PDB file of N, CA and C in Angstrom:
ATOM      1  N   MET A   1      -8.209  15.025 197.319  1.00  0.00           N
ATOM      2  CA  MET A   1      -6.505  14.762 197.772  1.00  0.00           C
ATOM      3  C   MET A   1      -5.607  15.852 197.303  1.00  0.00           C
ATOM      4  N   GLU A   2      -5.048  16.810 198.041  1.00  0.00           N
ATOM      5  CA  GLU A   2      -4.086  17.816 197.533  1.00  0.00           C
ATOM      6  C   GLU A   2      -2.683  17.024 197.269  1.00  0.00           C
ATOM      7  N   LYS A   3      -1.952  17.539 196.302  1.00  0.00           N
ATOM      8  CA  LYS A   3      -0.717  16.861 195.946  1.00  0.00           C
ATOM      9  C   LYS A   3       0.414  17.737 196.658  1.00  0.00           C
ATOM     10  N   ASN A   4       1.460  17.109 196.867  1.00  0.00           N
ATOM     11  CA  ASN A   4       2.696  17.885 197.560  1.00  0.00           C
ATOM     12  C   ASN A   4       3.234  18.868 196.576  1.00  0.00           C
ATOM     13  N   PRO A   5       3.137  20.050 196.655  1.00  0.00           N
ATOM     14  CA  PRO A   5       3.612  21.157 195.922  1.00  0.00           C
ATOM     15  C   PRO A   5       5.090  21.079 195.548  1.00  0.00           C
ATOM     16  N   GLU A   6       5.863  20.609 196.528  1.00  0.00           N
ATOM     17  CA  GLU A   6       7.256  20.304 196.278  1.00  0.00           C
ATOM     18  C   GLU A   6       7.498  19.467 195.106  1.00  0.00           C
ATOM     19  N   VAL A   7       6.819  18.543 194.970  1.00  0.00           N
ATOM     20  CA  VAL A   7       6.986  17.620 193.859  1.00  0.00           C
ATOM     21  C   VAL A   7       6.714  18.244 192.661  1.00  0.00           C
ATOM     22  N   PHE A   8       5.510  19.044 192.348  1.00  0.00           N
ATOM     23  CA  PHE A   8       5.149  19.466 191.350  1.00  0.00           C
ATOM     24  C   PHE A   8       5.604  20.900 190.664  1.00  0.00           C
ATOM     25  N   ASN A   9       6.602  21.385 191.726  1.00  0.00           N
ATOM     26  CA  ASN A   9       7.102  22.845 191.477  1.00  0.00           C
ATOM     27  C   ASN A   9       8.534  22.678 191.039  1.00  0.00           C
ATOM     28  N   LEU A  10       9.181  21.962 190.264  1.00  0.00           N
ATOM     29  CA  LEU A  10      10.585  21.522 190.294  1.00  0.00           C
ATOM     30  C   LEU A  10      11.270  22.471 189.083  1.00  0.00           C
ATOM     31  N   GLN A  11      10.411  23.044 188.410  1.00  0.00           N
ATOM     32  CA  GLN A  11      11.144  24.035 187.388  1.00  0.00           C
ATOM     33  C   GLN A  11      12.117  25.073 188.160  1.00  0.00           C
ATOM     34  N   ASN A  12      11.923  25.336 189.306  1.00  0.00           N
ATOM     35  CA  ASN A  12      12.668  26.487 189.968  1.00  0.00           C
ATOM     36  C   ASN A  12      13.601  25.913 191.039  1.00  0.00           C
ATOM     37  N   ARG A  13      13.611  24.611 191.124  1.00  0.00           N
ATOM     38  CA  ARG A  13      14.641  24.152 192.181  1.00  0.00           C
ATOM     39  C   ARG A  13      15.516  23.023 191.612  1.00  0.00           C
ATOM     40  N   ILE A  14      16.632  23.089 192.378  1.00  0.00           N
ATOM     41  CA  ILE A  14      17.739  22.179 191.854  1.00  0.00           C
ATOM     42  C   ILE A  14      17.188  20.716 192.412  1.00  0.00           C
ATOM     43  N   PHE A  15      16.863  20.752 193.768  1.00  0.00           N
ATOM     44  CA  PHE A  15      16.319  19.432 194.351  1.00  0.00           C
ATOM     45  C   PHE A  15      15.107  19.659 194.779  1.00  0.00           C
ATOM     46  N   PRO A  16      14.250  18.598 195.053  1.00  0.00           N
ATOM     47  CA  PRO A  16      14.549  17.355 194.526  1.00  0.00           C
ATOM     48  C   PRO A  16      14.721  17.220 193.155  1.00  0.00           C
ATOM     49  N   ALA A  17      15.498  16.171 192.599  1.00  0.00           N
ATOM     50  CA  ALA A  17      15.836  15.805 191.227  1.00  0.00           C
ATOM     51  C   ALA A  17      14.779  14.738 191.062  1.00  0.00           C
ATOM     52  N   LEU A  18      14.776  14.164 189.763  1.00  0.00           N
ATOM     53  CA  LEU A  18      14.010  12.963 189.502  1.00  0.00           C
ATOM     54  C   LEU A  18      14.981  11.951 188.852  1.00  0.00           C
ATOM     55  N   VAL A  19      14.545  10.589 189.185  1.00  0.00           N
ATOM     56  CA  VAL A  19      15.290   9.565 188.628  1.00  0.00           C
ATOM     57  C   VAL A  19      14.667   9.572 187.089  1.00  0.00           C
ATOM     58  N   ALA A  20      15.718   9.612 185.943  1.00  0.00           N
ATOM     59  CA  ALA A  20      15.419   9.710 184.583  1.00  0.00           C
ATOM     60  C   ALA A  20      15.420   8.362 184.113  1.00  0.00           C
ATOM     61  N   GLN A  21      16.380   7.447 184.475  1.00  0.00           N
ATOM     62  CA  GLN A  21      16.559   6.076 183.811  1.00  0.00           C
ATOM     63  C   GLN A  21      16.780   4.995 185.173  1.00  0.00           C
ATOM     64  N   VAL A  22      16.322   3.805 185.255  1.00  0.00           N
ATOM     65  CA  VAL A  22      16.743   2.848 185.988  1.00  0.00           C
ATOM     66  C   VAL A  22      17.797   1.964 185.123  1.00  0.00           C
ATOM     67  N   ILE A  23      18.993   2.119 185.402  1.00  0.00           N
ATOM     68  CA  ILE A  23      19.955   1.209 184.583  1.00  0.00           C
ATOM     69  C   ILE A  23      19.962  -0.160 184.928  1.00  0.00           C
ATOM     70  N   ASN A  24      19.747  -0.416 186.302  1.00  0.00           N
ATOM     71  CA  ASN A  24      19.625  -1.801 186.877  1.00  0.00           C
ATOM     72  C   ASN A  24      19.248  -1.325 188.461  1.00  0.00           C
ATOM     73  N   PRO A  25      18.803  -2.565 189.154  1.00  0.00           N
ATOM     74  CA  PRO A  25      18.061  -2.163 190.362  1.00  0.00           C
ATOM     75  C   PRO A  25      18.930  -1.560 191.478  1.00  0.00           C
ATOM     76  N   SER A  26      20.554  -1.542 191.212  1.00  0.00           N
ATOM     77  CA  SER A  26      21.270  -0.840 192.044  1.00  0.00           C
ATOM     78  C   SER A  26      21.884   0.460 191.401  1.00  0.00           C
ATOM     79  N   GLN A  27      21.614   0.736 190.288  1.00  0.00           N
ATOM     80  CA  GLN A  27      22.031   1.924 189.616  1.00  0.00           C
ATOM     81  C   GLN A  27      21.030   2.873 188.864  1.00  0.00           C
ATOM     82  N   LEU A  28      20.980   4.075 189.002  1.00  0.00           N
ATOM     83  CA  LEU A  28      20.106   5.166 188.728  1.00  0.00           C
ATOM     84  C   LEU A  28      20.624   6.264 187.907  1.00  0.00           C
ATOM     85  N   VAL A  29      20.089   6.619 186.993  1.00  0.00           N
ATOM     86  CA  VAL A  29      20.406   8.153 186.404  1.00  0.00           C
ATOM     87  C   VAL A  29      19.429   9.166 186.909  1.00  0.00           C
ATOM     88  N   ILE A  30      19.958  10.183 187.473  1.00  0.00           N
ATOM     89  CA  ILE A  30      19.070  11.351 187.658  1.00  0.00           C
ATOM     90  C   ILE A  30      19.183  12.431 186.777  1.00  0.00           C
ATOM     91  N   ASN A  31      18.383  13.492 186.800  1.00  0.00           N
ATOM     92  CA  ASN A  31      18.220  14.698 185.851  1.00  0.00           C
ATOM     93  C   ASN A  31      19.137  15.940 186.369  1.00  0.00           C
ATOM     94  N   ARG A  32      20.165  15.495 187.149  1.00  0.00           N
ATOM     95  CA  ARG A  32      20.911  16.574 187.646  1.00  0.00           C
ATOM     96  C   ARG A  32      22.451  16.180 187.439  1.00  0.00           C
ATOM     97  N   GLY A  33      23.376  17.217 187.146  1.00  0.00           N
ATOM     98  CA  GLY A  33      24.718  17.056 186.620  1.00  0.00           C
ATOM     99  C   GLY A  33      25.763  18.129 187.256  1.00  0.00           C
ATOM    100  N   SER A  34      26.590  18.293 186.596  1.00  0.00           N
ATOM    101  CA  SER A  34      27.633  19.117 187.032  1.00  0.00           C
ATOM    102  C   SER A  34      27.190  20.474 186.956  1.00  0.00           C
ATOM    103  N   LEU A  35      26.216  20.958 186.073  1.00  0.00           N
ATOM    104  CA  LEU A  35      25.640  22.152 185.928  1.00  0.00           C
ATOM    105  C   LEU A  35      24.987  22.709 187.244  1.00  0.00           C
ATOM    106  N   HIS A  36      24.444  21.526 187.959  1.00  0.00           N
ATOM    107  CA  HIS A  36      23.623  21.719 189.024  1.00  0.00           C
ATOM    108  C   HIS A  36      24.320  21.445 190.365  1.00  0.00           C
ATOM    109  N   GLY A  37      25.794  21.360 190.265  1.00  0.00           N
ATOM    110  CA  GLY A  37      26.666  21.396 191.348  1.00  0.00           C
ATOM    111  C   GLY A  37      26.841  20.045 191.839  1.00  0.00           C
ATOM    112  N   VAL A  38      26.488  18.969 191.342  1.00  0.00           N
ATOM    113  CA  VAL A  38      26.510  17.542 191.786  1.00  0.00           C
ATOM    114  C   VAL A  38      27.981  16.971 191.426  1.00  0.00           C
ATOM    115  N   LYS A  39      28.605  16.400 192.497  1.00  0.00           N
ATOM    116  CA  LYS A  39      29.889  15.781 192.311  1.00  0.00           C
ATOM    117  C   LYS A  39      29.863  14.417 192.489  1.00  0.00           C
ATOM    118  N   VAL A  40      30.936  13.840 192.148  1.00  0.00           N
ATOM    119  CA  VAL A  40      31.133  12.422 192.521  1.00  0.00           C
ATOM    120  C   VAL A  40      31.409  12.143 193.879  1.00  0.00           C
ATOM    121  N   GLY A  41      30.867  11.102 194.557  1.00  0.00           N
ATOM    122  CA  GLY A  41      31.010  10.730 195.827  1.00  0.00           C
ATOM    123  C   GLY A  41      29.981  11.286 196.609  1.00  0.00           C
ATOM    124  N   GLN A  42      29.177  12.386 196.111  1.00  0.00           N
ATOM    125  CA  GLN A  42      28.073  12.926 196.867  1.00  0.00           C
ATOM    126  C   GLN A  42      26.924  11.678 197.315  1.00  0.00           C
ATOM    127  N   ARG A  43      26.425  11.939 198.548  1.00  0.00           N
ATOM    128  CA  ARG A  43      25.319  10.995 198.935  1.00  0.00           C
ATOM    129  C   ARG A  43      24.114  11.407 198.438  1.00  0.00           C
ATOM    130  N   MET A  44      23.133  10.568 198.125  1.00  0.00           N
ATOM    131  CA  MET A  44      21.772  11.103 197.734  1.00  0.00           C
ATOM    132  C   MET A  44      20.715   9.913 198.228  1.00  0.00           C
ATOM    133  N   LEU A  45      19.483  10.575 198.620  1.00  0.00           N
ATOM    134  CA  LEU A  45      18.501   9.708 199.169  1.00  0.00           C
ATOM    135  C   LEU A  45      17.618   9.724 197.858  1.00  0.00           C
ATOM    136  N   ILE A  46      17.108   8.534 197.724  1.00  0.00           N
ATOM    137  CA  ILE A  46      15.947   8.169 196.673  1.00  0.00           C
ATOM    138  C   ILE A  46      14.752   7.813 197.414  1.00  0.00           C
ATOM    139  N   TYR A  47      13.705   8.554 196.966  1.00  0.00           N
ATOM    140  CA  TYR A  47      12.418   8.407 197.747  1.00  0.00           C
ATOM    141  C   TYR A  47      11.240   8.713 196.855  1.00  0.00           C
ATOM    142  N   ARG A  48      10.042   8.494 197.368  1.00  0.00           N
ATOM    143  CA  ARG A  48       8.789   9.084 196.654  1.00  0.00           C
ATOM    144  C   ARG A  48       7.965   9.590 197.925  1.00  0.00           C
ATOM    145  N   THR A  49       6.866  10.365 197.735  1.00  0.00           N
ATOM    146  CA  THR A  49       6.153  10.992 198.693  1.00  0.00           C
ATOM    147  C   THR A  49       4.768  10.116 198.785  1.00  0.00           C
ATOM    148  N   GLY A  50       4.475  10.095 200.052  1.00  0.00           N
ATOM    149  CA  GLY A  50       3.005   9.479 200.121  1.00  0.00           C
ATOM    150  C   GLY A  50       2.061  10.385 199.486  1.00  0.00           C
ATOM    151  N   ASP A  51       0.816   9.946 199.354  1.00  0.00           N
ATOM    152  CA  ASP A  51      -0.254  10.480 198.547  1.00  0.00           C
ATOM    153  C   ASP A  51      -1.109  11.299 199.662  1.00  0.00           C
ATOM    154  N   GLN A  52      -1.132  10.914 200.953  1.00  0.00           N
ATOM    155  CA  GLN A  52      -1.805  11.745 201.951  1.00  0.00           C
ATOM    156  C   GLN A  52      -1.147  12.923 202.626  1.00  0.00           C
ATOM    157  N   GLU A  53      -1.638  14.101 202.628  1.00  0.00           N
ATOM    158  CA  GLU A  53      -1.170  14.945 203.443  1.00  0.00           C
ATOM    159  C   GLU A  53      -1.187  14.540 204.915  1.00  0.00           C
ATOM    160  N   ILE A  54      -0.093  14.679 205.989  1.00  0.00           N
ATOM    161  CA  ILE A  54      -0.187  14.342 207.083  1.00  0.00           C
ATOM    162  C   ILE A  54      -0.470  15.727 207.930  1.00  0.00           C
ATOM    163  N   LYS A  55      -1.506  15.794 208.774  1.00  0.00           N
ATOM    164  CA  LYS A  55      -1.904  16.977 209.639  1.00  0.00           C
ATOM    165  C   LYS A  55      -1.647  16.419 211.137  1.00  0.00           C
ATOM    166  N   ASP A  56      -1.476  17.552 211.822  1.00  0.00           N
ATOM    167  CA  ASP A  56      -1.122  17.781 213.259  1.00  0.00           C
ATOM    168  C   ASP A  56      -2.556  17.315 213.963  1.00  0.00           C
ATOM    169  N   PRO A  57      -2.572  16.187 214.540  1.00  0.00           N
ATOM    170  CA  PRO A  57      -3.928  15.867 215.295  1.00  0.00           C
ATOM    171  C   PRO A  57      -4.395  16.905 216.121  1.00  0.00           C
ATOM    172  N   GLU A  58      -3.478  17.735 216.906  1.00  0.00           N
ATOM    173  CA  GLU A  58      -3.891  18.739 217.827  1.00  0.00           C
ATOM    174  C   GLU A  58      -4.182  20.132 217.111  1.00  0.00           C
ATOM    175  N   SER A  59      -3.563  20.444 216.212  1.00  0.00           N
ATOM    176  CA  SER A  59      -3.712  21.792 215.537  1.00  0.00           C
ATOM    177  C   SER A  59      -4.525  21.887 214.182  1.00  0.00           C
ATOM    178  N   GLY A  60      -4.363  20.530 213.603  1.00  0.00           N
ATOM    179  CA  GLY A  60      -4.788  20.646 212.287  1.00  0.00           C
ATOM    180  C   GLY A  60      -3.940  21.062 211.194  1.00  0.00           C
ATOM    181  N   GLU A  61      -2.895  21.628 211.630  1.00  0.00           N
ATOM    182  CA  GLU A  61      -1.893  22.164 210.745  1.00  0.00           C
ATOM    183  C   GLU A  61      -1.087  21.134 209.913  1.00  0.00           C
ATOM    184  N   SER A  62      -1.056  21.389 208.659  1.00  0.00           N
ATOM    185  CA  SER A  62      -0.093  20.503 207.841  1.00  0.00           C
ATOM    186  C   SER A  62       1.141  20.227 208.174  1.00  0.00           C
ATOM    187  N   LEU A  63       1.607  18.949 208.342  1.00  0.00           N
ATOM    188  CA  LEU A  63       2.931  18.573 208.678  1.00  0.00           C
ATOM    189  C   LEU A  63       3.639  18.138 207.396  1.00  0.00           C
ATOM    190  N   GLY A  64       3.073  18.032 206.240  1.00  0.00           N
ATOM    191  CA  GLY A  64       3.649  17.725 204.928  1.00  0.00           C
ATOM    192  C   GLY A  64       3.398  16.256 204.434  1.00  0.00           C
ATOM    193  N   TYR A  65       4.229  16.024 203.770  1.00  0.00           N
ATOM    194  CA  TYR A  65       3.890  14.359 203.142  1.00  0.00           C
ATOM    195  C   TYR A  65       5.054  13.459 203.516  1.00  0.00           C
ATOM    196  N   LEU A  66       4.779  12.252 203.895  1.00  0.00           N
ATOM    197  CA  LEU A  66       5.758  11.229 204.229  1.00  0.00           C
ATOM    198  C   LEU A  66       6.749  10.872 203.000  1.00  0.00           C
ATOM    199  N   GLU A  67       7.867  11.038 203.473  1.00  0.00           N
ATOM    200  CA  GLU A  67       8.963  10.430 202.433  1.00  0.00           C
ATOM    201  C   GLU A  67       9.045   9.076 202.611  1.00  0.00           C
ATOM    202  N   LEU A  68       8.952   8.140 201.496  1.00  0.00           N
ATOM    203  CA  LEU A  68       8.723   6.899 201.521  1.00  0.00           C
ATOM    204  C   LEU A  68      10.397   6.412 201.050  1.00  0.00           C
ATOM    205  N   VAL A  69      11.491   6.174 201.779  1.00  0.00           N
ATOM    206  CA  VAL A  69      12.583   5.673 201.214  1.00  0.00           C
ATOM    207  C   VAL A  69      12.771   4.514 200.389  1.00  0.00           C
ATOM    208  N   LYS A  70      13.500   4.865 199.316  1.00  0.00           N
ATOM    209  CA  LYS A  70      13.708   3.555 198.358  1.00  0.00           C
ATOM    210  C   LYS A  70      15.217   3.228 198.530  1.00  0.00           C
ATOM    211  N   GLY A  71      15.990   4.070 199.093  1.00  0.00           N
ATOM    212  CA  GLY A  71      17.456   3.662 199.401  1.00  0.00           C
ATOM    213  C   GLY A  71      18.166   4.915 199.519  1.00  0.00           C
ATOM    214  N   THR A  72      19.467   4.699 199.572  1.00  0.00           N
ATOM    215  CA  THR A  72      20.560   5.802 199.448  1.00  0.00           C
ATOM    216  C   THR A  72      21.717   5.284 198.630  1.00  0.00           C
ATOM    217  N   GLY A  73      22.342   6.305 198.012  1.00  0.00           N
ATOM    218  CA  GLY A  73      23.480   5.902 196.943  1.00  0.00           C
ATOM    219  C   GLY A  73      24.623   7.127 196.845  1.00  0.00           C
ATOM    220  N   LYS A  74      25.579   6.716 196.168  1.00  0.00           N
ATOM    221  CA  LYS A  74      26.565   7.759 195.932  1.00  0.00           C
ATOM    222  C   LYS A  74      26.748   7.916 194.512  1.00  0.00           C
ATOM    223  N   VAL A  75      26.994   9.162 194.132  1.00  0.00           N
ATOM    224  CA  VAL A  75      27.384   9.406 192.821  1.00  0.00           C
ATOM    225  C   VAL A  75      28.592   8.865 192.249  1.00  0.00           C
ATOM    226  N   ILE A  76      28.304   8.120 191.081  1.00  0.00           N
ATOM    227  CA  ILE A  76      29.750   7.519 190.620  1.00  0.00           C
ATOM    228  C   ILE A  76      30.128   8.044 189.447  1.00  0.00           C
ATOM    229  N   HIS A  77      29.213   8.881 188.880  1.00  0.00           N
ATOM    230  CA  HIS A  77      29.842   9.443 187.379  1.00  0.00           C
ATOM    231  C   HIS A  77      28.763  10.772 187.168  1.00  0.00           C
ATOM    232  N   VAL A  78      29.714  11.876 186.709  1.00  0.00           N
ATOM    233  CA  VAL A  78      28.825  12.953 186.609  1.00  0.00           C
ATOM    234  C   VAL A  78      29.089  13.564 185.163  1.00  0.00           C
ATOM    235  N   GLN A  79      27.908  13.819 184.516  1.00  0.00           N
ATOM    236  CA  GLN A  79      28.011  14.523 183.206  1.00  0.00           C
ATOM    237  C   GLN A  79      27.218  15.902 183.487  1.00  0.00           C
ATOM    238  N   GLU A  80      27.149  16.673 182.285  1.00  0.00           N
ATOM    239  CA  GLU A  80      26.791  17.946 182.473  1.00  0.00           C
ATOM    240  C   GLU A  80      25.335  18.247 183.053  1.00  0.00           C
ATOM    241  N   LYS A  81      24.337  17.286 182.587  1.00  0.00           N
ATOM    242  CA  LYS A  81      23.016  17.387 182.959  1.00  0.00           C
ATOM    243  C   LYS A  81      22.698  16.230 183.529  1.00  0.00           C
ATOM    244  N   ILE A  82      23.393  15.219 183.692  1.00  0.00           N
ATOM    245  CA  ILE A  82      22.748  13.861 184.330  1.00  0.00           C
ATOM    246  C   ILE A  82      23.961  13.259 185.167  1.00  0.00           C
ATOM    247  N   CYS A  83      23.750  12.574 186.053  1.00  0.00           N
ATOM    248  CA  CYS A  83      24.604  11.678 187.008  1.00  0.00           C
ATOM    249  C   CYS A  83      24.087  10.343 187.080  1.00  0.00           C
ATOM    250  N   THR A  84      25.034   9.513 187.517  1.00  0.00           N
ATOM    251  CA  THR A  84      24.603   8.063 187.764  1.00  0.00           C
ATOM    252  C   THR A  84      25.085   7.890 189.436  1.00  0.00           C
ATOM    253  N   ILE A  85      23.909   7.160 189.919  1.00  0.00           N
ATOM    254  CA  ILE A  85      23.951   6.807 191.351  1.00  0.00           C
ATOM    255  C   ILE A  85      23.915   5.527 191.517  1.00  0.00           C
ATOM    256  N   GLU A  86      24.800   4.927 192.425  1.00  0.00           N
ATOM    257  CA  GLU A  86      24.730   3.592 192.749  1.00  0.00           C
ATOM    258  C   GLU A  86      24.503   3.454 194.222  1.00  0.00           C
ATOM    259  N   SER A  87      23.687   2.358 194.633  1.00  0.00           N
ATOM    260  CA  SER A  87      23.290   2.097 195.905  1.00  0.00           C
ATOM    261  C   SER A  87      24.504   1.952 196.801  1.00  0.00           C
ATOM    262  N   ASP A  88      24.517   2.559 197.900  1.00  0.00           N
ATOM    263  CA  ASP A  88      25.675   2.458 198.945  1.00  0.00           C
ATOM    264  C   ASP A  88      25.372   1.407 200.014  1.00  0.00           C
ATOM    265  N   LYS A  89      24.269   0.759 199.950  1.00  0.00           N
ATOM    266  CA  LYS A  89      24.158  -0.235 200.787  1.00  0.00           C
ATOM    267  C   LYS A  89      24.782  -1.485 200.161  1.00  0.00           C
ATOM    268  N   LYS A  90      25.600  -2.223 201.124  1.00  0.00           N
ATOM    269  CA  LYS A  90      26.135  -3.438 200.468  1.00  0.00           C
ATOM    270  C   LYS A  90      25.979  -4.698 201.233  1.00  0.00           C
ATOM    271  N   LYS A  91      26.060  -5.840 200.660  1.00  0.00           N
ATOM    272  CA  LYS A  91      25.934  -7.178 201.171  1.00  0.00           C
ATOM    273  C   LYS A  91      27.316  -7.198 202.229  1.00  0.00           C
ATOM    274  N   ALA A  92      26.927  -7.860 203.347  1.00  0.00           N
ATOM    275  CA  ALA A  92      28.032  -8.014 204.285  1.00  0.00           C
ATOM    276  C   ALA A  92      29.416  -8.554 203.631  1.00  0.00           C
ATOM    277  N   PRO A  93      30.462  -7.869 203.843  1.00  0.00           N
ATOM    278  CA  PRO A  93      31.642  -8.734 203.355  1.00  0.00           C
ATOM    279  C   PRO A  93      32.082  -9.778 203.664  1.00  0.00           C
ATOM    280  N   ARG A  94      32.443 -10.710 202.763  1.00  0.00           N
ATOM    281  CA  ARG A  94      32.901 -12.254 202.811  1.00  0.00           C
ATOM    282  C   ARG A  94      34.385 -12.281 203.319  1.00  0.00           C
ATOM    283  N   ARG A  95      34.734 -13.235 204.286  1.00  0.00           N
ATOM    284  CA  ARG A  95      36.225 -13.233 204.516  1.00  0.00           C
ATOM    285  C   ARG A  95      36.586 -14.649 203.997  1.00  0.00           C
ATOM    286  N   ILE A  96      37.740 -14.705 203.170  1.00  0.00           N
ATOM    287  CA  ILE A  96      38.066 -15.942 202.755  1.00  0.00           C
ATOM    288  C   ILE A  96      39.577 -16.109 203.562  1.00  0.00           C
ATOM    289  N   ILE A  97      39.536 -17.109 204.138  1.00  0.00           N
ATOM    290  CA  ILE A  97      40.770 -17.694 204.864  1.00  0.00           C
ATOM    291  C   ILE A  97      41.513 -18.525 204.128  1.00  0.00           C
ATOM    292  N   LYS A  98      42.813 -18.010 203.837  1.00  0.00           N
ATOM    293  CA  LYS A  98      43.785 -18.816 202.945  1.00  0.00           C
ATOM    294  C   LYS A  98      44.965 -19.343 203.806  1.00  0.00           C
ATOM    295  N   ASN A  99      45.448 -20.383 203.494  1.00  0.00           N
ATOM    296  CA  ASN A  99      46.829 -20.738 204.138  1.00  0.00           C
ATOM    297  C   ASN A  99      47.953 -20.391 203.214  1.00  0.00           C
ATOM    298  N   SER A 100      48.719 -19.358 203.460  1.00  0.00           N
ATOM    299  CA  SER A 100      49.869 -18.945 202.749  1.00  0.00           C
ATOM    300  C   SER A 100      51.060 -19.295 203.585  1.00  0.00           C
ATOM    301  N   TRP A 101      51.923 -19.965 203.013  1.00  0.00           N
ATOM    302  CA  TRP A 101      53.191 -20.489 203.753  1.00  0.00           C
ATOM    303  C   TRP A 101      52.988 -20.950 205.201  1.00  0.00           C
ATOM    304  N   GLY A 102      51.879 -21.584 205.282  1.00  0.00           N
ATOM    305  CA  GLY A 102      51.538 -22.306 206.477  1.00  0.00           C
ATOM    306  C   GLY A 102      50.784 -21.222 207.623  1.00  0.00           C
ATOM    307  N   PHE A 103      50.747 -19.839 207.203  1.00  0.00           N
ATOM    308  CA  PHE A 103      50.182 -18.863 208.207  1.00  0.00           C
ATOM    309  C   PHE A 103      48.652 -18.722 207.681  1.00  0.00           C
ATOM    310  N   PRO A 104      47.638 -18.456 208.539  1.00  0.00           N
ATOM    311  CA  PRO A 104      46.133 -18.127 207.938  1.00  0.00           C
ATOM    312  C   PRO A 104      46.114 -16.768 207.602  1.00  0.00           C
ATOM    313  N   GLU A 105      45.648 -16.334 206.528  1.00  0.00           N
ATOM    314  CA  GLU A 105      45.420 -15.003 206.061  1.00  0.00           C
ATOM    315  C   GLU A 105      43.897 -14.884 205.827  1.00  0.00           C
ATOM    316  N   GLU A 106      43.554 -13.575 205.908  1.00  0.00           N
ATOM    317  CA  GLU A 106      42.387 -13.053 205.628  1.00  0.00           C
ATOM    318  C   GLU A 106      42.297 -12.293 204.558  1.00  0.00           C
ATOM    319  N   ASP A 107      41.421 -12.448 203.601  1.00  0.00           N
ATOM    320  CA  ASP A 107      41.269 -11.259 202.559  1.00  0.00           C
ATOM    321  C   ASP A 107      39.686 -10.823 202.763  1.00  0.00           C
ATOM    322  N   ILE A 108      39.494  -9.617 202.867  1.00  0.00           N
ATOM    323  CA  ILE A 108      38.167  -9.057 202.864  1.00  0.00           C
ATOM    324  C   ILE A 108      37.851  -8.641 201.464  1.00  0.00           C
ATOM    325  N   ILE A 109      36.499  -9.032 201.088  1.00  0.00           N
ATOM    326  CA  ILE A 109      36.067  -8.580 199.782  1.00  0.00           C
ATOM    327  C   ILE A 109      34.824  -7.952 199.960  1.00  0.00           C
ATOM    328  N   GLU A 110      34.965  -6.720 199.235  1.00  0.00           N
ATOM    329  CA  GLU A 110      33.686  -5.757 199.581  1.00  0.00           C
ATOM    330  C   GLU A 110      32.374  -6.477 198.815  1.00  0.00           C
ATOM    331  N   GLY A 111      31.346  -6.454 199.776  1.00  0.00           N
ATOM    332  CA  GLY A 111      30.091  -7.098 199.211  1.00  0.00           C
ATOM    333  C   GLY A 111      29.588  -6.211 198.144  1.00  0.00           C
ATOM    334  N   GLU A 112      28.845  -6.640 197.241  1.00  0.00           N
ATOM    335  CA  GLU A 112      28.155  -6.246 196.182  1.00  0.00           C
ATOM    336  C   GLU A 112      26.897  -5.067 196.435  1.00  0.00           C
ATOM    337  N   ALA A 113      26.737  -4.203 195.797  1.00  0.00           N
ATOM    338  CA  ALA A 113      25.579  -3.293 196.126  1.00  0.00           C
ATOM    339  C   ALA A 113      24.214  -3.840 196.121  1.00  0.00           C
ATOM    340  N   LEU A 114      23.560  -3.641 197.206  1.00  0.00           N
ATOM    341  CA  LEU A 114      22.043  -4.002 197.369  1.00  0.00           C
ATOM    342  C   LEU A 114      21.251  -3.173 196.670  1.00  0.00           C
ATOM    343  N   PRO A 115      20.101  -3.674 195.895  1.00  0.00           N
ATOM    344  CA  PRO A 115      19.259  -2.820 195.088  1.00  0.00           C
ATOM    345  C   PRO A 115      18.602  -1.959 195.975  1.00  0.00           C
ATOM    346  N   PHE A 116      18.166  -0.922 195.194  1.00  0.00           N
ATOM    347  CA  PHE A 116      17.220   0.158 195.665  1.00  0.00           C
ATOM    348  C   PHE A 116      15.828  -0.625 195.992  1.00  0.00           C
ATOM    349  N   ASP A 117      14.790  -0.054 196.610  1.00  0.00           N
ATOM    350  CA  ASP A 117      13.575  -0.693 196.759  1.00  0.00           C
ATOM    351  C   ASP A 117      12.523  -0.282 195.589  1.00  0.00           C
ATOM    352  N   GLN A 118      12.670  -1.088 194.519  1.00  0.00           N
ATOM    353  CA  GLN A 118      11.630  -0.919 193.474  1.00  0.00           C
ATOM    354  C   GLN A 118      11.738   0.584 192.847  1.00  0.00           C
ATOM    355  N   PRO A 119      13.154   0.771 192.231  1.00  0.00           N
ATOM    356  CA  PRO A 119      13.305   2.195 191.977  1.00  0.00           C
ATOM    357  C   PRO A 119      12.349   2.325 190.501  1.00  0.00           C
ATOM    358  N   GLU A 120      11.934   3.713 190.265  1.00  0.00           N
ATOM    359  CA  GLU A 120      11.085   3.843 189.270  1.00  0.00           C
ATOM    360  C   GLU A 120      11.552   5.279 188.712  1.00  0.00           C
ATOM    361  N   VAL A 121      11.238   5.390 187.188  1.00  0.00           N
ATOM    362  CA  VAL A 121      11.542   6.742 186.579  1.00  0.00           C
ATOM    363  C   VAL A 121      10.447   7.711 187.332  1.00  0.00           C
ATOM    364  N   GLY A 122      11.120   8.807 187.858  1.00  0.00           N
ATOM    365  CA  GLY A 122      10.047   9.914 188.397  1.00  0.00           C
ATOM    366  C   GLY A 122      10.307   9.942 190.004  1.00  0.00           C
ATOM    367  N   ASP A 123      11.015   8.800 190.448  1.00  0.00           N
ATOM    368  CA  ASP A 123      11.131   8.997 191.913  1.00  0.00           C
ATOM    369  C   ASP A 123      11.895  10.149 192.216  1.00  0.00           C
ATOM    370  N   LEU A 124      11.968  10.615 193.431  1.00  0.00           N
ATOM    371  CA  LEU A 124      12.586  11.886 193.958  1.00  0.00           C
ATOM    372  C   LEU A 124      13.938  11.498 194.436  1.00  0.00           C
ATOM    373  N   VAL A 125      14.815  12.335 194.190  1.00  0.00           N
ATOM    374  CA  VAL A 125      16.206  12.367 194.794  1.00  0.00           C
ATOM    375  C   VAL A 125      16.650  13.749 195.404  1.00  0.00           C
ATOM    376  N   LYS A 126      17.420  13.468 196.491  1.00  0.00           N
ATOM    377  CA  LYS A 126      17.898  14.787 197.206  1.00  0.00           C
ATOM    378  C   LYS A 126      19.209  14.401 197.733  1.00  0.00           C
ATOM    379  N   PRO A 127      20.045  15.568 198.097  1.00  0.00           N
ATOM    380  CA  PRO A 127      21.238  15.068 198.790  1.00  0.00           C
ATOM    381  C   PRO A 127      21.055  14.944 200.206  1.00  0.00           C
ATOM    382  N   ILE A 128      21.985  14.013 200.880  1.00  0.00           N
ATOM    383  CA  ILE A 128      21.855  13.919 202.244  1.00  0.00           C
ATOM    384  C   ILE A 128      23.294  14.091 202.936  1.00  0.00           C
TER     385      ILE A 128
END
């Protein structure tokens, strides 16, 4: 079984980056920061690659490795060599209806971040 060269030749590449720490299921630290051009608000894809190379059934040509998506997130804090990413998938917002001066009022509360799908140190990360 041949490994994906993109995953193992990271020294010369800015992306994919790697998850360096899992803060909690919806927040991650990656090993890229302002020195690599990362900015607050930038969207990122967190994934790992499948173990099997996929080949075209007609030509036998390599089609690469399947990206197994663990989630998407936004950069919320940037340091020189690392940044923090928070999942950008949210629970559905709640609506609370209040009676204020006899009139109905709606307050929309943003839902909390949903977790990434089993994030681990070493998962791959790239901008989207």
